[in-house]
Amino acid sequence: MAYGRRVEFEAVREAAFGAIGAAYTALGTALIDNARIISFYNTTDAEVYISFDGVTNHIRLASGTFQVFDLTANKVRDDGYFVANGTVIFQSRVAGAPTSGALWAEVVIAAGGV
């Protein structure tokens, strides 16, 4: 009996404080497969927004915080939710420009898709 799938880790997507502007810009490249777990870390001294369409503010991260989204918690085999491959993660600042730190995302994928 098989339970679950093999997972892989995508390369870290990172933006230094100076690359976080008022307009949305891509945080790295598009997802190479369906994301099962995504972690966001904001070590800047400013609040940032995360968007999955480059227009809508989906996630707001306070300075010095992180959030982990385990989209397939307590699932086995091929069920559970995911962020689709090809999705681009975007970032922007909430108000004032950050002067230190970085923003990054770590992505875990199910090898071979859903």
C-alpha atoms as a PDB file:
ATOM      1  CA  MET A   1       0.000   0.000   0.000  1.00  0.00           C
ATOM      2  CA  ALA A   2       1.432   3.375  -1.031  1.00  0.00           C
ATOM      3  CA  TYR A   3       0.968   6.438   1.117  1.00  0.00           C
ATOM      4  CA  GLY A   4       1.810   9.869  -0.173  1.00  0.00           C
ATOM      5  CA  ARG A   5       4.230  10.990  -2.820  1.00  0.00           C
ATOM      6  CA  ARG A   6       7.838  11.961  -3.053  1.00  0.00           C
ATOM      7  CA  VAL A   7       8.424  15.668  -2.376  1.00  0.00           C
ATOM      8  CA  GLU A   8      11.097  17.977  -3.673  1.00  0.00           C
ATOM      9  CA  PHE A   9      12.172  21.463  -2.712  1.00  0.00           C
ATOM     10  CA  GLU A  10      12.269  24.295  -5.208  1.00  0.00           C
ATOM     11  CA  ALA A  11      15.035  26.893  -5.101  1.00  0.00           C
ATOM     12  CA  VAL A  12      14.510  29.652  -2.546  1.00  0.00           C
ATOM     13  CA  ARG A  13      12.908  32.768  -4.009  1.00  0.00           C
ATOM     14  CA  GLU A  14      14.432  35.833  -2.370  1.00  0.00           C
ATOM     15  CA  ALA A  15      14.354  39.630  -2.598  1.00  0.00           C
ATOM     16  CA  ALA A  16      16.730  41.895  -0.680  1.00  0.00           C
ATOM     17  CA  PHE A  17      15.149  44.934   1.004  1.00  0.00           C
ATOM     18  CA  GLY A  18      16.119  47.268  -1.868  1.00  0.00           C
ATOM     19  CA  ALA A  19      14.209  45.146  -4.395  1.00  0.00           C
ATOM     20  CA  ILE A  20      10.888  45.448  -2.555  1.00  0.00           C
ATOM     21  CA  GLY A  21       9.057  48.345  -4.162  1.00  0.00           C
ATOM     22  CA  ALA A  22       5.644  49.975  -4.128  1.00  0.00           C
ATOM     23  CA  ALA A  23       4.515  48.042  -7.222  1.00  0.00           C
ATOM     24  CA  TYR A  24       4.243  44.266  -7.386  1.00  0.00           C
ATOM     25  CA  THR A  25       7.270  42.459  -8.817  1.00  0.00           C
ATOM     26  CA  ALA A  26       7.934  38.742  -9.175  1.00  0.00           C
ATOM     27  CA  LEU A  27       9.567  36.977  -6.242  1.00  0.00           C
ATOM     28  CA  GLY A  28      11.690  34.625  -8.322  1.00  0.00           C
ATOM     29  CA  THR A  29      10.487  32.400 -11.122  1.00  0.00           C
ATOM     30  CA  ALA A  30       7.186  30.598 -11.667  1.00  0.00           C
ATOM     31  CA  LEU A  31       6.532  27.399  -9.694  1.00  0.00           C
ATOM     32  CA  ILE A  32       7.926  24.372 -11.521  1.00  0.00           C
ATOM     33  CA  ASP A  33       5.291  22.021 -10.102  1.00  0.00           C
ATOM     34  CA  ASN A  34       2.272  22.059  -7.769  1.00  0.00           C
ATOM     35  CA  ALA A  35       3.204  23.626  -4.425  1.00  0.00           C
ATOM     36  CA  ARG A  36       2.109  21.644  -1.366  1.00  0.00           C
ATOM     37  CA  ILE A  37       3.802  23.771   1.320  1.00  0.00           C
ATOM     38  CA  ILE A  38       4.838  27.425   1.016  1.00  0.00           C
ATOM     39  CA  SER A  39       6.681  29.375   3.700  1.00  0.00           C
ATOM     40  CA  PHE A  40       7.158  33.152   3.617  1.00  0.00           C
ATOM     41  CA  TYR A  41       9.784  34.939   5.725  1.00  0.00           C
ATOM     42  CA  ASN A  42      10.032  38.703   6.142  1.00  0.00           C
ATOM     43  CA  THR A  43      13.192  39.831   7.928  1.00  0.00           C
ATOM     44  CA  THR A  44      12.888  43.385   6.620  1.00  0.00           C
ATOM     45  CA  ASP A  45      12.002  46.346   8.813  1.00  0.00           C
ATOM     46  CA  ALA A  46       8.764  46.958   6.853  1.00  0.00           C
ATOM     47  CA  GLU A  47       5.473  45.188   6.193  1.00  0.00           C
ATOM     48  CA  VAL A  48       5.107  43.465   2.823  1.00  0.00           C
ATOM     49  CA  TYR A  49       2.315  42.082   0.674  1.00  0.00           C
ATOM     50  CA  ILE A  50       2.320  38.761  -1.153  1.00  0.00           C
ATOM     51  CA  SER A  51       0.163  38.270  -4.247  1.00  0.00           C
ATOM     52  CA  PHE A  52      -0.519  35.287  -6.476  1.00  0.00           C
ATOM     53  CA  ASP A  53      -1.861  37.356  -9.387  1.00  0.00           C
ATOM     54  CA  GLY A  54       0.298  40.501  -9.203  1.00  0.00           C
ATOM     55  CA  VAL A  55      -2.735  42.698  -8.501  1.00  0.00           C
ATOM     56  CA  THR A  56      -4.522  41.525  -5.336  1.00  0.00           C
ATOM     57  CA  ASN A  57      -3.040  41.756  -1.823  1.00  0.00           C
ATOM     58  CA  HIS A  58      -3.404  38.129  -0.675  1.00  0.00           C
ATOM     59  CA  ILE A  59      -1.044  37.939   2.320  1.00  0.00           C
ATOM     60  CA  ARG A  60       0.293  40.710   4.563  1.00  0.00           C
ATOM     61  CA  LEU A  61       3.477  39.920   6.469  1.00  0.00           C
ATOM     62  CA  ALA A  62       4.537  42.073   9.383  1.00  0.00           C
ATOM     63  CA  SER A  63       8.182  42.965   9.790  1.00  0.00           C
ATOM     64  CA  GLY A  64      10.243  40.155  11.317  1.00  0.00           C
ATOM     65  CA  THR A  65       7.584  37.458  10.869  1.00  0.00           C
ATOM     66  CA  PHE A  66       6.890  34.334   8.839  1.00  0.00           C
ATOM     67  CA  GLN A  67       3.901  32.267   7.757  1.00  0.00           C
ATOM     68  CA  VAL A  68       3.739  28.636   6.698  1.00  0.00           C
ATOM     69  CA  PHE A  69       0.923  27.297   4.536  1.00  0.00           C
ATOM     70  CA  ASP A  70       0.706  23.496   4.596  1.00  0.00           C
ATOM     71  CA  LEU A  71      -1.897  23.018   1.904  1.00  0.00           C
ATOM     72  CA  THR A  72      -2.004  19.228   2.127  1.00  0.00           C
ATOM     73  CA  ALA A  73      -1.923  18.677   5.877  1.00  0.00           C
ATOM     74  CA  ASN A  74      -3.252  15.257   6.931  1.00  0.00           C
ATOM     75  CA  LYS A  75      -3.655  14.032   3.364  1.00  0.00           C
ATOM     76  CA  VAL A  76      -2.377  10.864   1.727  1.00  0.00           C
ATOM     77  CA  ARG A  77      -2.022   9.755  -1.866  1.00  0.00           C
ATOM     78  CA  ASP A  78      -2.956  12.414  -4.418  1.00  0.00           C
ATOM     79  CA  ASP A  79      -5.584  14.368  -2.529  1.00  0.00           C
ATOM     80  CA  GLY A  80      -5.289  17.773  -0.929  1.00  0.00           C
ATOM     81  CA  TYR A  81      -4.988  21.307  -2.189  1.00  0.00           C
ATOM     82  CA  PHE A  82      -2.065  22.957  -3.932  1.00  0.00           C
ATOM     83  CA  VAL A  83      -0.914  26.124  -5.684  1.00  0.00           C
ATOM     84  CA  ALA A  84      -0.716  25.269  -9.398  1.00  0.00           C
ATOM     85  CA  ASN A  85       2.526  24.952 -11.276  1.00  0.00           C
ATOM     86  CA  GLY A  86       3.323  27.997 -13.367  1.00  0.00           C
ATOM     87  CA  THR A  87       2.055  30.342 -10.643  1.00  0.00           C
ATOM     88  CA  VAL A  88       4.258  33.383 -10.044  1.00  0.00           C
ATOM     89  CA  ILE A  89       4.542  34.767  -6.507  1.00  0.00           C
ATOM     90  CA  PHE A  90       4.648  38.577  -6.370  1.00  0.00           C
ATOM     91  CA  GLN A  91       5.786  40.923  -3.610  1.00  0.00           C
ATOM     92  CA  SER A  92       5.490  44.621  -2.739  1.00  0.00           C
ATOM     93  CA  ARG A  93       5.835  46.828   0.304  1.00  0.00           C
ATOM     94  CA  VAL A  94       2.812  48.003   2.289  1.00  0.00           C
ATOM     95  CA  ALA A  95       3.947  51.567   2.994  1.00  0.00           C
ATOM     96  CA  GLY A  96       7.476  52.873   3.580  1.00  0.00           C
ATOM     97  CA  ALA A  97      10.466  51.283   1.890  1.00  0.00           C
ATOM     98  CA  PRO A  98      12.381  48.700   3.925  1.00  0.00           C
ATOM     99  CA  THR A  99      15.979  49.613   4.811  1.00  0.00           C
ATOM    100  CA  SER A 100      17.306  46.219   5.886  1.00  0.00           C
ATOM    101  CA  GLY A 101      16.658  42.492   5.688  1.00  0.00           C
ATOM    102  CA  ALA A 102      15.077  40.336   2.992  1.00  0.00           C
ATOM    103  CA  LEU A 103      11.870  38.595   1.964  1.00  0.00           C
ATOM    104  CA  TRP A 104      11.890  35.001   0.793  1.00  0.00           C
ATOM    105  CA  ALA A 105       9.662  32.058  -0.007  1.00  0.00           C
ATOM    106  CA  GLU A 106      10.426  28.351   0.372  1.00  0.00           C
ATOM    107  CA  VAL A 107       8.326  25.923  -1.665  1.00  0.00           C
ATOM    108  CA  VAL A 108       7.782  22.156  -1.303  1.00  0.00           C
ATOM    109  CA  ILE A 109       6.313  20.376  -4.313  1.00  0.00           C
ATOM    110  CA  ALA A 110       4.928  16.902  -4.935  1.00  0.00           C
ATOM    111  CA  ALA A 111       7.260  15.448  -7.528  1.00  0.00           C
ATOM    112  CA  GLY A 112       5.311  14.669 -10.664  1.00  0.00           C
ATOM    113  CA  GLY A 113       2.306  16.869  -9.868  1.00  0.00           C
ATOM    114  CA  VAL A 114      -1.007  15.961  -8.306  1.00  0.00           C
END
